[in-house]
């Protein structure tokens, strides 16, 4: 897999990670953990003096912030009482969150 939007120098080789769970909140948490780990690895490499790869760290931070917001929204929807009238709207909101996480 090649990522086009992480490096100003052009596409970089990457590994695609498939995360599956019946819980949208768990998928959001896993995605958040992967993004945090990437940030940590880049910062550790910079601290060792080898210089960080030419990555758009602000882009990674924005991804992380977006997924934190989506996780909170998914948790709020999950914790709402299941009212029959709002069920379809809640399901649609959760589906929209899932699409954004993907």
PDB file of N, CA and C in Angstrom:
ATOM      1  N   UNK A   1       0.856  -1.172   0.000  1.00  0.00           N
ATOM      2  CA  UNK A   1       0.000   0.000   0.000  1.00  0.00           C
ATOM      3  C   UNK A   1       0.898   1.229   0.000  1.00  0.00           C
ATOM      4  N   UNK A   2       0.500   2.240  -0.724  1.00  0.00           N
ATOM      5  CA  UNK A   2       1.236   3.503  -0.742  1.00  0.00           C
ATOM      6  C   UNK A   2       0.323   4.607  -0.221  1.00  0.00           C
ATOM      7  N   UNK A   3       0.876   5.454   0.639  1.00  0.00           N
ATOM      8  CA  UNK A   3       0.136   6.591   1.196  1.00  0.00           C
ATOM      9  C   UNK A   3       0.575   7.847   0.454  1.00  0.00           C
ATOM     10  N   UNK A   4      -0.384   8.552  -0.095  1.00  0.00           N
ATOM     11  CA  UNK A   4      -0.069   9.735  -0.892  1.00  0.00           C
ATOM     12  C   UNK A   4      -0.039  11.030  -0.098  1.00  0.00           C
ATOM     13  N   UNK A   5      -0.734  11.091   1.035  1.00  0.00           N
ATOM     14  CA  UNK A   5      -0.920  12.381   1.692  1.00  0.00           C
ATOM     15  C   UNK A   5      -0.154  12.546   2.999  1.00  0.00           C
ATOM     16  N   UNK A   6       0.801  11.688   3.287  1.00  0.00           N
ATOM     17  CA  UNK A   6       1.565  11.806   4.531  1.00  0.00           C
ATOM     18  C   UNK A   6       2.913  12.486   4.356  1.00  0.00           C
ATOM     19  N   UNK A   7       3.448  12.466   3.160  1.00  0.00           N
ATOM     20  CA  UNK A   7       4.778  13.022   2.948  1.00  0.00           C
ATOM     21  C   UNK A   7       4.768  13.990   1.771  1.00  0.00           C
ATOM     22  N   UNK A   8       5.348  15.170   1.967  1.00  0.00           N
ATOM     23  CA  UNK A   8       5.420  16.116   0.851  1.00  0.00           C
ATOM     24  C   UNK A   8       6.332  15.628  -0.269  1.00  0.00           C
ATOM     25  N   UNK A   9       7.191  14.657   0.029  1.00  0.00           N
ATOM     26  CA  UNK A   9       8.105  14.128  -0.977  1.00  0.00           C
ATOM     27  C   UNK A   9       7.411  13.164  -1.933  1.00  0.00           C
ATOM     28  N   UNK A  10       6.178  12.804  -1.630  1.00  0.00           N
ATOM     29  CA  UNK A  10       5.441  11.884  -2.489  1.00  0.00           C
ATOM     30  C   UNK A  10       4.979  10.662  -1.717  1.00  0.00           C
ATOM     31  N   UNK A  11       4.470   9.667  -2.432  1.00  0.00           N
ATOM     32  CA  UNK A  11       3.936   8.470  -1.775  1.00  0.00           C
ATOM     33  C   UNK A  11       5.006   7.725  -0.977  1.00  0.00           C
ATOM     34  N   UNK A  12       4.591   7.165   0.153  1.00  0.00           N
ATOM     35  CA  UNK A  12       5.489   6.325   0.944  1.00  0.00           C
ATOM     36  C   UNK A  12       4.857   4.944   1.065  1.00  0.00           C
ATOM     37  N   UNK A  13       5.710   3.945   1.190  1.00  0.00           N
ATOM     38  CA  UNK A  13       5.227   2.579   1.368  1.00  0.00           C
ATOM     39  C   UNK A  13       4.646   2.434   2.766  1.00  0.00           C
ATOM     40  N   UNK A  14       3.565   1.710   2.873  1.00  0.00           N
ATOM     41  CA  UNK A  14       2.901   1.525   4.165  1.00  0.00           C
ATOM     42  C   UNK A  14       2.339   0.114   4.243  1.00  0.00           C
ATOM     43  N   UNK A  15       1.954  -0.249   5.427  1.00  0.00           N
ATOM     44  CA  UNK A  15       1.307  -1.532   5.662  1.00  0.00           C
ATOM     45  C   UNK A  15      -0.151  -1.250   5.963  1.00  0.00           C
ATOM     46  N   UNK A  16      -1.022  -1.962   5.308  1.00  0.00           N
ATOM     47  CA  UNK A  16      -2.451  -1.798   5.574  1.00  0.00           C
ATOM     48  C   UNK A  16      -2.844  -2.703   6.732  1.00  0.00           C
ATOM     49  N   UNK A  17      -3.537  -2.135   7.702  1.00  0.00           N
ATOM     50  CA  UNK A  17      -3.970  -2.883   8.879  1.00  0.00           C
ATOM     51  C   UNK A  17      -5.487  -2.971   8.836  1.00  0.00           C
ATOM     52  N   UNK A  18      -5.998  -4.187   8.889  1.00  0.00           N
ATOM     53  CA  UNK A  18      -7.441  -4.395   8.890  1.00  0.00           C
ATOM     54  C   UNK A  18      -7.913  -4.533  10.323  1.00  0.00           C
ATOM     55  N   UNK A  19      -8.804  -3.641  10.740  1.00  0.00           N
ATOM     56  CA  UNK A  19      -9.348  -3.677  12.099  1.00  0.00           C
ATOM     57  C   UNK A  19     -10.832  -3.983  11.999  1.00  0.00           C
ATOM     58  N   UNK A  20     -11.247  -5.052  12.657  1.00  0.00           N
ATOM     59  CA  UNK A  20     -12.653  -5.430  12.629  1.00  0.00           C
ATOM     60  C   UNK A  20     -13.168  -5.618  14.041  1.00  0.00           C
ATOM     61  N   UNK A  21     -14.372  -5.159  14.260  1.00  0.00           N
ATOM     62  CA  UNK A  21     -15.035  -5.342  15.543  1.00  0.00           C
ATOM     63  C   UNK A  21     -16.512  -5.043  15.347  1.00  0.00           C
ATOM     64  N   UNK A  22     -17.371  -5.739  16.068  1.00  0.00           N
ATOM     65  CA  UNK A  22     -18.790  -5.393  15.983  1.00  0.00           C
ATOM     66  C   UNK A  22     -19.089  -4.059  16.677  1.00  0.00           C
ATOM     67  N   UNK A  23     -18.130  -3.545  17.420  1.00  0.00           N
ATOM     68  CA  UNK A  23     -18.322  -2.298  18.155  1.00  0.00           C
ATOM     69  C   UNK A  23     -17.601  -1.154  17.450  1.00  0.00           C
ATOM     70  N   UNK A  24     -18.352  -0.145  17.055  1.00  0.00           N
ATOM     71  CA  UNK A  24     -17.750   1.028  16.428  1.00  0.00           C
ATOM     72  C   UNK A  24     -16.784   1.714  17.383  1.00  0.00           C
ATOM     73  N   UNK A  25     -17.126   1.750  18.661  1.00  0.00           N
ATOM     74  CA  UNK A  25     -16.245   2.377  19.650  1.00  0.00           C
ATOM     75  C   UNK A  25     -14.903   1.660  19.707  1.00  0.00           C
ATOM     76  N   UNK A  26     -14.901   0.336  19.607  1.00  0.00           N
ATOM     77  CA  UNK A  26     -13.639  -0.411  19.624  1.00  0.00           C
ATOM     78  C   UNK A  26     -12.802  -0.115  18.384  1.00  0.00           C
ATOM     79  N   UNK A  27     -13.451  -0.002  17.229  1.00  0.00           N
ATOM     80  CA  UNK A  27     -12.721   0.335  16.002  1.00  0.00           C
ATOM     81  C   UNK A  27     -12.092   1.720  16.138  1.00  0.00           C
ATOM     82  N   UNK A  28     -12.839   2.675  16.679  1.00  0.00           N
ATOM     83  CA  UNK A  28     -12.293   4.025  16.884  1.00  0.00           C
ATOM     84  C   UNK A  28     -11.095   3.986  17.823  1.00  0.00           C
ATOM     85  N   UNK A  29     -11.206   3.220  18.912  1.00  0.00           N
ATOM     86  CA  UNK A  29     -10.095   3.122  19.865  1.00  0.00           C
ATOM     87  C   UNK A  29      -8.863   2.490  19.220  1.00  0.00           C
ATOM     88  N   UNK A  30      -9.068   1.430  18.439  1.00  0.00           N
ATOM     89  CA  UNK A  30      -7.928   0.780  17.779  1.00  0.00           C
ATOM     90  C   UNK A  30      -7.261   1.735  16.799  1.00  0.00           C
ATOM     91  N   UNK A  31      -8.067   2.448  16.024  1.00  0.00           N
ATOM     92  CA  UNK A  31      -7.515   3.385  15.052  1.00  0.00           C
ATOM     93  C   UNK A  31      -6.737   4.485  15.767  1.00  0.00           C
ATOM     94  N   UNK A  32      -7.285   4.980  16.851  1.00  0.00           N
ATOM     95  CA  UNK A  32      -6.612   6.002  17.658  1.00  0.00           C
ATOM     96  C   UNK A  32      -5.273   5.471  18.178  1.00  0.00           C
ATOM     97  N   UNK A  33      -5.254   4.236  18.646  1.00  0.00           N
ATOM     98  CA  UNK A  33      -4.018   3.640  19.170  1.00  0.00           C
ATOM     99  C   UNK A  33      -2.958   3.513  18.080  1.00  0.00           C
ATOM    100  N   UNK A  34      -3.362   3.143  16.879  1.00  0.00           N
ATOM    101  CA  UNK A  34      -2.406   3.016  15.774  1.00  0.00           C
ATOM    102  C   UNK A  34      -1.814   4.378  15.429  1.00  0.00           C
ATOM    103  N   UNK A  35      -2.651   5.399  15.333  1.00  0.00           N
ATOM    104  CA  UNK A  35      -2.158   6.749  15.023  1.00  0.00           C
ATOM    105  C   UNK A  35      -1.206   7.239  16.112  1.00  0.00           C
ATOM    106  N   UNK A  36      -1.560   7.027  17.382  1.00  0.00           N
ATOM    107  CA  UNK A  36      -0.678   7.428  18.493  1.00  0.00           C
ATOM    108  C   UNK A  36       0.666   6.705  18.406  1.00  0.00           C
ATOM    109  N   UNK A  37       0.644   5.423  18.058  1.00  0.00           N
ATOM    110  CA  UNK A  37       1.890   4.651  17.968  1.00  0.00           C
ATOM    111  C   UNK A  37       2.774   5.190  16.848  1.00  0.00           C
ATOM    112  N   UNK A  38       2.184   5.546  15.729  1.00  0.00           N
ATOM    113  CA  UNK A  38       2.962   6.115  14.626  1.00  0.00           C
ATOM    114  C   UNK A  38       3.620   7.418  15.076  1.00  0.00           C
ATOM    115  N   UNK A  39       2.865   8.267  15.753  1.00  0.00           N
ATOM    116  CA  UNK A  39       3.425   9.527  16.246  1.00  0.00           C
ATOM    117  C   UNK A  39       4.574   9.266  17.218  1.00  0.00           C
ATOM    118  N   UNK A  40       4.401   8.310  18.110  1.00  0.00           N
ATOM    119  CA  UNK A  40       5.447   7.982  19.085  1.00  0.00           C
ATOM    120  C   UNK A  40       6.707   7.497  18.384  1.00  0.00           C
ATOM    121  N   UNK A  41       6.561   6.624  17.400  1.00  0.00           N
ATOM    122  CA  UNK A  41       7.728   6.111  16.670  1.00  0.00           C
ATOM    123  C   UNK A  41       8.481   7.229  15.959  1.00  0.00           C
ATOM    124  N   UNK A  42       7.752   8.143  15.351  1.00  0.00           N
ATOM    125  CA  UNK A  42       8.396   9.261  14.652  1.00  0.00           C
ATOM    126  C   UNK A  42       9.153  10.141  15.642  1.00  0.00           C
ATOM    127  N   UNK A  43       8.540  10.447  16.783  1.00  0.00           N
ATOM    128  CA  UNK A  43       9.198  11.288  17.786  1.00  0.00           C
ATOM    129  C   UNK A  43      10.404  10.586  18.407  1.00  0.00           C
ATOM    130  N   UNK A  44      10.315   9.277  18.636  1.00  0.00           N
ATOM    131  CA  UNK A  44      11.457   8.524  19.171  1.00  0.00           C
ATOM    132  C   UNK A  44      12.620   8.540  18.187  1.00  0.00           C
ATOM    133  N   UNK A  45      12.323   8.392  16.916  1.00  0.00           N
ATOM    134  CA  UNK A  45      13.371   8.424  15.901  1.00  0.00           C
ATOM    135  C   UNK A  45      14.037   9.798  15.875  1.00  0.00           C
ATOM    136  N   UNK A  46      13.250  10.851  16.012  1.00  0.00           N
ATOM    137  CA  UNK A  46      13.812  12.205  16.027  1.00  0.00           C
ATOM    138  C   UNK A  46      14.687  12.413  17.258  1.00  0.00           C
ATOM    139  N   UNK A  47      14.283  11.867  18.403  1.00  0.00           N
ATOM    140  CA  UNK A  47      15.050  12.020  19.643  1.00  0.00           C
ATOM    141  C   UNK A  47      16.389  11.297  19.573  1.00  0.00           C
ATOM    142  N   UNK A  48      16.480  10.258  18.765  1.00  0.00           N
ATOM    143  CA  UNK A  48      17.728   9.510  18.624  1.00  0.00           C
ATOM    144  C   UNK A  48      18.697  10.198  17.679  1.00  0.00           C
ATOM    145  N   UNK A  49      18.280  11.314  17.125  1.00  0.00           N
ATOM    146  CA  UNK A  49      19.179  12.090  16.286  1.00  0.00           C
ATOM    147  C   UNK A  49      19.192  11.679  14.829  1.00  0.00           C
ATOM    148  N   UNK A  50      18.429  10.664  14.470  1.00  0.00           N
ATOM    149  CA  UNK A  50      18.439  10.239  13.077  1.00  0.00           C
ATOM    150  C   UNK A  50      17.489  11.070  12.226  1.00  0.00           C
ATOM    151  N   UNK A  51      16.773  11.973  12.875  1.00  0.00           N
ATOM    152  CA  UNK A  51      15.859  12.839  12.136  1.00  0.00           C
ATOM    153  C   UNK A  51      14.586  12.105  11.780  1.00  0.00           C
ATOM    154  N   UNK A  52      13.487  12.773  11.971  1.00  0.00           N
ATOM    155  CA  UNK A  52      12.223  12.114  11.653  1.00  0.00           C
ATOM    156  C   UNK A  52      12.042  11.994  10.149  1.00  0.00           C
ATOM    157  N   UNK A  53      11.290  11.010   9.725  1.00  0.00           N
ATOM    158  CA  UNK A  53      10.986  10.962   8.296  1.00  0.00           C
ATOM    159  C   UNK A  53      10.171  12.197   7.927  1.00  0.00           C
ATOM    160  N   UNK A  54      10.188  12.535   6.688  1.00  0.00           N
ATOM    161  CA  UNK A  54       9.496  13.735   6.232  1.00  0.00           C
ATOM    162  C   UNK A  54       7.993  13.455   6.175  1.00  0.00           C
ATOM    163  N   UNK A  55       7.361  13.438   7.353  1.00  0.00           N
ATOM    164  CA  UNK A  55       5.929  13.177   7.443  1.00  0.00           C
ATOM    165  C   UNK A  55       5.193  14.445   7.837  1.00  0.00           C
ATOM    166  N   UNK A  56       3.977  14.524   7.443  1.00  0.00           N
ATOM    167  CA  UNK A  56       3.126  15.647   7.833  1.00  0.00           C
ATOM    168  C   UNK A  56       2.507  15.334   9.185  1.00  0.00           C
ATOM    169  N   UNK A  57       3.224  15.689  10.246  1.00  0.00           N
ATOM    170  CA  UNK A  57       2.773  15.378  11.599  1.00  0.00           C
ATOM    171  C   UNK A  57       1.456  16.078  11.922  1.00  0.00           C
ATOM    172  N   UNK A  58       1.258  17.269  11.403  1.00  0.00           N
ATOM    173  CA  UNK A  58      -0.004  17.964  11.663  1.00  0.00           C
ATOM    174  C   UNK A  58      -1.173  17.172  11.085  1.00  0.00           C
ATOM    175  N   UNK A  59      -0.956  16.539   9.951  1.00  0.00           N
ATOM    176  CA  UNK A  59      -1.996  15.709   9.339  1.00  0.00           C
ATOM    177  C   UNK A  59      -2.330  14.534  10.256  1.00  0.00           C
ATOM    178  N   UNK A  60      -1.299  13.892  10.824  1.00  0.00           N
ATOM    179  CA  UNK A  60      -1.531  12.784  11.759  1.00  0.00           C
ATOM    180  C   UNK A  60      -2.263  13.270  13.012  1.00  0.00           C
ATOM    181  N   UNK A  61      -1.894  14.443  13.503  1.00  0.00           N
ATOM    182  CA  UNK A  61      -2.578  14.992  14.688  1.00  0.00           C
ATOM    183  C   UNK A  61      -4.051  15.277  14.388  1.00  0.00           C
ATOM    184  N   UNK A  62      -4.311  15.765  13.183  1.00  0.00           N
ATOM    185  CA  UNK A  62      -5.698  16.050  12.801  1.00  0.00           C
ATOM    186  C   UNK A  62      -6.508  14.758  12.705  1.00  0.00           C
ATOM    187  N   UNK A  63      -5.907  13.713  12.151  1.00  0.00           N
ATOM    188  CA  UNK A  63      -6.581  12.410  12.099  1.00  0.00           C
ATOM    189  C   UNK A  63      -6.918  11.952  13.509  1.00  0.00           C
ATOM    190  N   UNK A  64      -5.957  12.076  14.402  1.00  0.00           N
ATOM    191  CA  UNK A  64      -6.164  11.659  15.789  1.00  0.00           C
ATOM    192  C   UNK A  64      -7.297  12.459  16.429  1.00  0.00           C
ATOM    193  N   UNK A  65      -7.293  13.758  16.267  1.00  0.00           N
ATOM    194  CA  UNK A  65      -8.334  14.600  16.863  1.00  0.00           C
ATOM    195  C   UNK A  65      -9.710  14.261  16.292  1.00  0.00           C
ATOM    196  N   UNK A  66      -9.771  14.040  14.986  1.00  0.00           N
ATOM    197  CA  UNK A  66     -11.044  13.676  14.364  1.00  0.00           C
ATOM    198  C   UNK A  66     -11.577  12.366  14.919  1.00  0.00           C
ATOM    199  N   UNK A  67     -10.691  11.393  15.102  1.00  0.00           N
ATOM    200  CA  UNK A  67     -11.147  10.096  15.595  1.00  0.00           C
ATOM    201  C   UNK A  67     -11.512  10.138  17.073  1.00  0.00           C
ATOM    202  N   UNK A  68     -10.869  10.998  17.832  1.00  0.00           N
ATOM    203  CA  UNK A  68     -11.286  11.183  19.223  1.00  0.00           C
ATOM    204  C   UNK A  68     -12.707  11.739  19.272  1.00  0.00           C
ATOM    205  N   UNK A  69     -13.002  12.695  18.403  1.00  0.00           N
ATOM    206  CA  UNK A  69     -14.337  13.272  18.343  1.00  0.00           C
ATOM    207  C   UNK A  69     -15.362  12.213  17.920  1.00  0.00           C
ATOM    208  N   UNK A  70     -15.014  11.408  16.917  1.00  0.00           N
ATOM    209  CA  UNK A  70     -15.922  10.360  16.456  1.00  0.00           C
ATOM    210  C   UNK A  70     -16.160   9.316  17.539  1.00  0.00           C
ATOM    211  N   UNK A  71     -15.115   8.982  18.288  1.00  0.00           N
ATOM    212  CA  UNK A  71     -15.263   8.020  19.378  1.00  0.00           C
ATOM    213  C   UNK A  71     -16.234   8.553  20.430  1.00  0.00           C
ATOM    214  N   UNK A  72     -16.069   9.806  20.801  1.00  0.00           N
ATOM    215  CA  UNK A  72     -16.976  10.397  21.796  1.00  0.00           C
ATOM    216  C   UNK A  72     -18.413  10.406  21.286  1.00  0.00           C
ATOM    217  N   UNK A  73     -18.576  10.733  20.013  1.00  0.00           N
ATOM    218  CA  UNK A  73     -19.920  10.756  19.437  1.00  0.00           C
ATOM    219  C   UNK A  73     -20.524   9.350  19.418  1.00  0.00           C
ATOM    220  N   UNK A  74     -19.724   8.353  19.056  1.00  0.00           N
ATOM    221  CA  UNK A  74     -20.205   6.965  19.049  1.00  0.00           C
ATOM    222  C   UNK A  74     -20.581   6.518  20.455  1.00  0.00           C
ATOM    223  N   UNK A  75     -19.768   6.881  21.443  1.00  0.00           N
ATOM    224  CA  UNK A  75     -20.073   6.505  22.824  1.00  0.00           C
ATOM    225  C   UNK A  75     -21.360   7.172  23.302  1.00  0.00           C
ATOM    226  N   UNK A  76     -21.557   8.433  22.946  1.00  0.00           N
ATOM    227  CA  UNK A  76     -22.776   9.143  23.334  1.00  0.00           C
ATOM    228  C   UNK A  76     -24.001   8.477  22.723  1.00  0.00           C
ATOM    229  N   UNK A  77     -23.911   8.140  21.437  1.00  0.00           N
ATOM    230  CA  UNK A  77     -25.033   7.474  20.775  1.00  0.00           C
ATOM    231  C   UNK A  77     -25.298   6.104  21.378  1.00  0.00           C
ATOM    232  N   UNK A  78     -24.241   5.392  21.700  1.00  0.00           N
ATOM    233  CA  UNK A  78     -24.377   4.058  22.280  1.00  0.00           C
ATOM    234  C   UNK A  78     -25.033   4.125  23.656  1.00  0.00           C
ATOM    235  N   UNK A  79     -24.714   5.154  24.421  1.00  0.00           N
ATOM    236  CA  UNK A  79     -25.216   5.273  25.785  1.00  0.00           C
ATOM    237  C   UNK A  79     -26.633   5.835  25.869  1.00  0.00           C
ATOM    238  N   UNK A  80     -27.164   6.326  24.755  1.00  0.00           N
ATOM    239  CA  UNK A  80     -28.525   6.852  24.764  1.00  0.00           C
ATOM    240  C   UNK A  80     -29.514   5.708  24.929  1.00  0.00           C
ATOM    241  N   UNK A  81     -30.611   5.965  25.631  1.00  0.00           N
ATOM    242  CA  UNK A  81     -31.649   4.933  25.703  1.00  0.00           C
ATOM    243  C   UNK A  81     -32.213   4.670  24.311  1.00  0.00           C
ATOM    244  N   UNK A  82     -32.459   3.430  24.027  1.00  0.00           N
ATOM    245  CA  UNK A  82     -32.971   3.050  22.705  1.00  0.00           C
ATOM    246  C   UNK A  82     -34.461   3.377  22.619  1.00  0.00           C
ATOM    247  N   UNK A  83     -34.765   4.505  22.034  1.00  0.00           N
ATOM    248  CA  UNK A  83     -36.156   4.904  21.838  1.00  0.00           C
ATOM    249  C   UNK A  83     -36.573   4.487  20.436  1.00  0.00           C
ATOM    250  N   UNK A  84     -37.721   3.888  20.319  1.00  0.00           N
ATOM    251  CA  UNK A  84     -38.149   3.343  19.033  1.00  0.00           C
ATOM    252  C   UNK A  84     -38.215   4.405  17.942  1.00  0.00           C
ATOM    253  N   UNK A  85     -38.611   5.618  18.291  1.00  0.00           N
ATOM    254  CA  UNK A  85     -38.723   6.682  17.294  1.00  0.00           C
ATOM    255  C   UNK A  85     -37.354   7.159  16.814  1.00  0.00           C
ATOM    256  N   UNK A  86     -36.359   7.123  17.682  1.00  0.00           N
ATOM    257  CA  UNK A  86     -35.033   7.631  17.330  1.00  0.00           C
ATOM    258  C   UNK A  86     -34.099   6.528  16.852  1.00  0.00           C
ATOM    259  N   UNK A  87     -34.528   5.294  16.916  1.00  0.00           N
ATOM    260  CA  UNK A  87     -33.682   4.168  16.523  1.00  0.00           C
ATOM    261  C   UNK A  87     -33.100   4.296  15.130  1.00  0.00           C
ATOM    262  N   UNK A  88     -33.932   4.531  14.093  1.00  0.00           N
ATOM    263  CA  UNK A  88     -33.378   4.663  12.738  1.00  0.00           C
ATOM    264  C   UNK A  88     -32.413   5.843  12.597  1.00  0.00           C
ATOM    265  N   UNK A  89     -32.711   6.957  13.248  1.00  0.00           N
ATOM    266  CA  UNK A  89     -31.818   8.123  13.166  1.00  0.00           C
ATOM    267  C   UNK A  89     -30.486   7.826  13.845  1.00  0.00           C
ATOM    268  N   UNK A  90     -30.535   7.142  14.984  1.00  0.00           N
ATOM    269  CA  UNK A  90     -29.304   6.774  15.690  1.00  0.00           C
ATOM    270  C   UNK A  90     -28.483   5.813  14.851  1.00  0.00           C
ATOM    271  N   UNK A  91     -29.150   4.834  14.242  1.00  0.00           N
ATOM    272  CA  UNK A  91     -28.445   3.875  13.383  1.00  0.00           C
ATOM    273  C   UNK A  91     -27.782   4.591  12.211  1.00  0.00           C
ATOM    274  N   UNK A  92     -28.470   5.563  11.633  1.00  0.00           N
ATOM    275  CA  UNK A  92     -27.906   6.325  10.514  1.00  0.00           C
ATOM    276  C   UNK A  92     -26.692   7.138  10.964  1.00  0.00           C
ATOM    277  N   UNK A  93     -26.761   7.734  12.140  1.00  0.00           N
ATOM    278  CA  UNK A  93     -25.625   8.496  12.669  1.00  0.00           C
ATOM    279  C   UNK A  93     -24.426   7.583  12.903  1.00  0.00           C
ATOM    280  N   UNK A  94     -24.676   6.397  13.478  1.00  0.00           N
ATOM    281  CA  UNK A  94     -23.579   5.450  13.713  1.00  0.00           C
ATOM    282  C   UNK A  94     -22.968   4.978  12.400  1.00  0.00           C
ATOM    283  N   UNK A  95     -23.803   4.749  11.390  1.00  0.00           N
ATOM    284  CA  UNK A  95     -23.294   4.350  10.083  1.00  0.00           C
ATOM    285  C   UNK A  95     -22.431   5.458   9.488  1.00  0.00           C
ATOM    286  N   UNK A  96     -22.838   6.702   9.648  1.00  0.00           N
ATOM    287  CA  UNK A  96     -22.054   7.831   9.158  1.00  0.00           C
ATOM    288  C   UNK A  96     -20.702   7.910   9.872  1.00  0.00           C
ATOM    289  N   UNK A  97     -20.692   7.683  11.187  1.00  0.00           N
ATOM    290  CA  UNK A  97     -19.433   7.673  11.939  1.00  0.00           C
ATOM    291  C   UNK A  97     -18.532   6.562  11.415  1.00  0.00           C
ATOM    292  N   UNK A  98     -19.100   5.384  11.201  1.00  0.00           N
ATOM    293  CA  UNK A  98     -18.325   4.252  10.681  1.00  0.00           C
ATOM    294  C   UNK A  98     -17.682   4.611   9.344  1.00  0.00           C
ATOM    295  N   UNK A  99     -18.435   5.249   8.468  1.00  0.00           N
ATOM    296  CA  UNK A  99     -17.892   5.644   7.158  1.00  0.00           C
ATOM    297  C   UNK A  99     -16.724   6.617   7.317  1.00  0.00           C
ATOM    298  N   UNK A 100     -16.845   7.535   8.257  1.00  0.00           N
ATOM    299  CA  UNK A 100     -15.773   8.505   8.473  1.00  0.00           C
ATOM    300  C   UNK A 100     -14.515   7.843   9.025  1.00  0.00           C
ATOM    301  N   UNK A 101     -14.708   6.852   9.899  1.00  0.00           N
ATOM    302  CA  UNK A 101     -13.550   6.145  10.467  1.00  0.00           C
ATOM    303  C   UNK A 101     -12.817   5.376   9.378  1.00  0.00           C
ATOM    304  N   UNK A 102     -13.548   4.798   8.475  1.00  0.00           N
ATOM    305  CA  UNK A 102     -12.933   4.025   7.394  1.00  0.00           C
ATOM    306  C   UNK A 102     -12.121   4.946   6.525  1.00  0.00           C
TER     307      UNK A 102
END
